[in-house]
Amino acid sequence: MEEIDLTKYKESQKTQFLASEFERLEKQKTELDAISDDESMREMAAEERSQIESQQKALIVQMDEILKEEALEEEFPNEIVLEVRAGAGGDEASIFAHNLAEMYQRYADKQGWNVKKIHDSQSSVGGYKEVAFEIRGKDVYKTLRYETGVHRVQRIPATEKQGRIHTSTASVAVLPIRKKSKMEIKPEEFEMEFSRAGGAGGQNVNKVETAVRIIHIPTGLDVRSTAERSQQANRERAMTILVAKIEALKEEEEAKKYSAERKEQVGTGDRSEKIRTYNFPQNRVTDHRIKENWHNLDGIMMGDIQDIFDKITEFAQNS
């Protein structure tokens, strides 16, 4: 059996133990080589050596599979931050942002994903000026990665007395949380603010400054985390999201630079790109990137959006 370089297996926490098992078997082979000079032991040693090499080959196959899965998870992580922000349209935009957030939550519930609200800012009419969720689950980024962009709604607001159709927007950003991020943010590159977290959580939440806001000075990006019960936990969560935001910004800039050469013509991942319209009077959802329509708007807003995801993914793969 040829000599195996175990370096990559030792670097991964998921294969370190198996790599040490491989080395333990290697020592056994060395011990067998020492006694194989004895003619009476040679046949037995050769048989045992063959068995050990079979075990080692099985370990290599197992470790390669683990590293393959790890690489796939790094490309399509099972954890994201989903942000929804009200755009043009005032109160109606904030209500639409709330509707979108609920649509994604309902879909996530159907998938059995874990959803946790990180931060929200509500409008006076009960909508969201902005909201951010942490969503964890199998294939979460792979499924939702094309949702980044501007979503537009056309409908008659409940407060509209003359029956006029209004157009409002909300932007969605899907940020993958990658475990192996190598980005480091220097202390002089960010500012940190602390405040009291509002809402449920007991008296401690309102008396202690647990909420954290981090501003990244070079880009102007800011992140808030209010969901955790301690300042330290909110700080760690906010920093993780900030790194994800900076990486997404860099990826977006790269995608724009080479957009003409990209095969996946479903968008650049730019949150300023209009990707979908929800037209309530006509009971129609239109995805502008793939020029497809759906006529079950009520069901889609209740989280029955799988067909849209499937069509976009199919289009991307065949482009």
Foldseek 3Di string as FASTA:
>chain_A
DDDDDCVVQCVDPVRVVLSVVLVVLVVVLVVLVVCCVPVVCVVVSVVVNVVSVVVNVVSVVVSVVVVVVLVVCQVQPQKKKKKKAWDPDPPVSQQVSQLVVLLVVLQLVVQVKDKDWFDFDADPVGGTNMTMIMIGDPRPCVQCVLQFAKEKEWAQDPPRPVRHIDITIMGMAIFDQGPPDPDDQDPVQKDKDWAQADDDDDPQSRPDRQKMKMAGNVVRDIFIGRRDSHNVVRVVVRVSVVSRVVVLVVQLVVCVVCVVVALQQQDSSHHHHYAWYCYVVQQWIAGVSQGDIDRPSVVSSSNPCSVVSVVSVVSRVVD
